[in-house]
Structures are given as structure tokens and as C-alpha cells.
Amino acid sequence: MGKNWKLHHIAVIVRDIDKAVDYYQSLGIAKAGREVVFPEARPNIRARFVDIGPVPIEFIQPIAGEPSIYKDFLDRKGEGVQHIAFAVDDLDEEEAELTGKGASVIVKGKAPAAFGSLTAHFDTRQVGDFAIQLIQE
């Protein structure tokens, strides 16, 4: 487990995605990438990928008024790191290993922000209060 994991991105929940991107670009350290809008999806969110140095960041802005794990995070903690995502070769194998050691799956399915790849979020929030997302590429 973990030996083939490669950092995919760090997800940061923000109140205003445009303000977040503008801020890091104003510092001269961010290269903005694609934006993903999920108007018909649940939860309804905006996501924007930004490279800060060599680290890919996914800013996620929950849409006001709609319940989601992202809105709950923002209401409870404010802005911050919500999950860290890793690309893996075999999601099923990694899932079996993690769940066998007590980590539960929060959600599993195809993720539009990950170009439709199969992903799973694992509840590792009891230490550090962030989840782990694995993406099969």
C-alpha cells in the first residue's frame, strides 16, 4: 500500500474561488488551470486547479444554500485543506488495504474534476482533519 501513490492534488475549500486564484496569482507564484463547474451535480460546486510552485491545488467553492460535505467543512472550520489526492494504479487493491485497516469510504465513483476517473474518498479525518482521495489513472 502507498508505494505507488503519486500526489495528484491538494483540495482547499474556499469561500470565493476567484479571490483565492487572484491572490496567489498576485504573489506571482500561481499558474491557473482549468475550472470545473458542476451545475447539475450534487453537490453543486465550482472547482479550479492552480499550480503553486510544483504543487497542484484544487480550490473548491461550495455553492451557497446547498448542503454538501464541502459546505459542512466551510461552516465548521472555515477555509482550509479538505483532502489530499493521490493517483494510484489499482484503486480496488488500495481500497481493500485501507478498509481492512479501518478507514471507511466516504464516497466512491467517477469524478468530473478528475476527468471522469474512478475515485474514492477515505475518512482519515480523525488525525489532521482531512480526507484522503485516491484516483485510479
Protein backbone atom coordinates (compact mmCIF):
# COMPACT_ATOMS: atom_id res chain seq x y z
CA MET A 1 0.00 0.00 0.00
CA GLY A 2 1.13 3.51 -0.71
CA LYS A 3 4.26 2.54 -2.61
CA ASN A 4 2.82 3.58 -5.97
CA TRP A 5 0.93 6.66 -4.72
CA LYS A 6 1.73 9.90 -6.54
CA LEU A 7 0.50 13.30 -5.38
CA HIS A 8 -2.38 14.34 -7.63
CA HIS A 9 -3.57 17.50 -5.83
CA ILE A 10 -4.40 19.11 -2.51
CA ALA A 11 -8.01 20.30 -2.20
CA VAL A 12 -8.59 23.57 -0.38
CA ILE A 13 -12.12 24.74 0.42
CA VAL A 14 -12.60 28.48 -0.10
CA ARG A 15 -15.47 30.95 0.18
CA ASP A 16 -14.57 32.78 -3.06
CA ILE A 17 -12.66 30.86 -5.71
CA ASP A 18 -11.93 33.93 -7.83
CA LYS A 19 -10.46 35.79 -4.87
CA ALA A 20 -8.29 32.78 -3.97
CA VAL A 21 -6.90 32.40 -7.50
CA ASP A 22 -6.35 36.17 -7.85
CA TYR A 23 -4.49 36.28 -4.53
CA TYR A 24 -1.98 33.57 -5.40
CA GLN A 25 -1.50 34.97 -8.89
CA SER A 26 -0.86 38.44 -7.41
CA LEU A 27 2.01 36.91 -5.44
CA GLY A 28 3.46 35.65 -8.71
CA ILE A 29 3.52 32.04 -7.52
CA ALA A 30 0.43 30.53 -9.12
CA LYS A 31 -0.38 29.31 -12.59
CA ALA A 32 -4.14 28.98 -13.01
CA GLY A 33 -5.51 25.99 -14.85
CA ARG A 34 -8.91 24.69 -15.75
CA GLU A 35 -12.15 25.38 -13.92
CA VAL A 36 -14.82 22.76 -13.42
CA VAL A 37 -18.43 23.76 -12.70
CA PHE A 38 -20.94 21.18 -11.56
CA PRO A 39 -24.34 22.85 -12.16
CA GLU A 40 -26.33 19.62 -12.36
CA ALA A 41 -24.23 17.57 -9.96
CA ARG A 42 -24.76 17.11 -6.27
CA PRO A 43 -23.14 18.84 -4.56
CA ASN A 44 -23.20 21.97 -6.70
CA ILE A 45 -19.64 23.34 -6.53
CA ARG A 46 -17.04 25.23 -8.50
CA ALA A 47 -13.52 23.83 -8.66
CA ARG A 48 -10.40 25.47 -10.08
CA PHE A 49 -6.99 23.92 -10.42
CA VAL A 50 -3.92 26.07 -9.75
CA ASP A 51 -0.26 25.11 -9.62
CA ILE A 52 1.54 26.80 -6.75
CA GLY A 53 5.16 26.01 -7.45
CA PRO A 54 5.27 22.27 -8.14
CA VAL A 55 2.12 21.54 -6.08
CA PRO A 56 -1.27 21.19 -7.78
CA ILE A 57 -4.05 22.79 -5.71
CA GLU A 58 -7.77 22.30 -6.31
CA PHE A 59 -9.72 25.22 -4.91
CA ILE A 60 -13.33 24.18 -4.19
CA GLN A 61 -16.09 26.70 -3.59
CA PRO A 62 -19.38 25.29 -2.32
CA ILE A 63 -22.42 26.96 -3.84
CA ALA A 64 -24.36 28.81 -1.13
CA GLY A 65 -27.50 27.22 0.22
CA GLU A 66 -26.80 23.69 -0.93
CA PRO A 67 -25.81 21.04 1.64
CA SER A 68 -22.59 19.13 0.94
CA ILE A 69 -19.50 17.83 2.69
CA TYR A 70 -17.70 20.90 1.32
CA LYS A 71 -20.24 23.36 2.74
CA ASP A 72 -20.20 21.49 6.08
CA PHE A 73 -16.40 21.77 6.13
CA LEU A 74 -16.53 25.52 5.39
CA ASP A 75 -19.22 26.15 8.03
CA ARG A 76 -17.40 24.10 10.66
CA LYS A 77 -13.76 25.01 10.04
CA GLY A 78 -13.62 27.89 7.61
CA GLU A 79 -11.28 27.77 4.66
CA GLY A 80 -8.60 25.10 4.56
CA VAL A 81 -7.31 21.74 3.34
CA GLN A 82 -10.19 19.29 2.97
CA HIS A 83 -8.47 16.38 1.22
CA ILE A 84 -5.20 15.27 -0.31
CA ALA A 85 -5.48 13.26 -3.53
CA PHE A 86 -3.12 10.62 -4.83
CA ALA A 87 -3.06 8.80 -8.17
CA VAL A 88 -2.84 5.03 -7.81
CA ASP A 89 -2.51 2.12 -10.20
CA ASP A 90 -5.22 -0.10 -8.65
CA LEU A 91 -7.97 1.65 -6.69
CA ASP A 92 -9.71 -1.58 -5.66
CA GLU A 93 -6.50 -3.01 -4.20
CA GLU A 94 -5.74 0.19 -2.28
CA GLU A 95 -9.35 0.40 -1.06
CA ALA A 96 -9.23 -3.18 0.24
CA GLU A 97 -6.00 -2.41 2.08
CA LEU A 98 -7.30 0.82 3.66
CA THR A 99 -10.71 -0.51 4.65
CA GLY A 100 -9.04 -3.63 6.03
CA LYS A 101 -7.13 -1.33 8.38
CA GLY A 102 -10.26 0.54 9.49
CA ALA A 103 -10.58 3.50 7.11
CA SER A 104 -14.09 3.87 5.75
CA VAL A 105 -15.07 5.05 2.28
CA ILE A 106 -16.92 8.39 2.31
CA VAL A 107 -17.81 8.33 -1.38
CA LYS A 108 -16.70 6.38 -4.44
CA GLY A 109 -17.43 6.99 -8.10
CA LYS A 110 -16.35 8.81 -11.23
CA ALA A 111 -15.19 12.37 -10.56
CA PRO A 112 -15.68 15.05 -13.22
CA ALA A 113 -12.83 17.11 -11.73
CA ALA A 114 -10.54 14.11 -12.26
CA PHE A 115 -11.55 13.84 -15.95
CA GLY A 116 -14.08 11.13 -15.10
CA SER A 117 -11.57 8.82 -13.43
CA LEU A 118 -12.73 6.40 -10.76
CA THR A 119 -12.04 7.85 -7.32
CA ALA A 120 -12.69 7.15 -3.66
CA HIS A 121 -12.53 9.43 -0.65
CA PHE A 122 -11.48 7.79 2.62
CA ASP A 123 -12.33 9.03 6.09
CA THR A 124 -8.95 9.75 7.64
CA ARG A 125 -10.20 12.91 9.34
CA GLN A 126 -9.64 11.70 12.91
CA VAL A 127 -5.98 12.79 12.62
CA GLY A 128 -5.30 16.12 10.92
CA ASP A 129 -8.98 16.53 9.94
CA PHE A 130 -8.52 15.88 6.21
CA ALA A 131 -9.63 13.05 3.96
CA ILE A 132 -7.54 11.03 1.52
CA GLN A 133 -8.76 10.72 -2.07
CA LEU A 134 -7.36 8.02 -4.34
CA ILE A 135 -7.73 8.37 -8.11
CA GLN A 136 -7.19 5.49 -10.48
CA GLU A 137 -5.50 6.79 -13.60
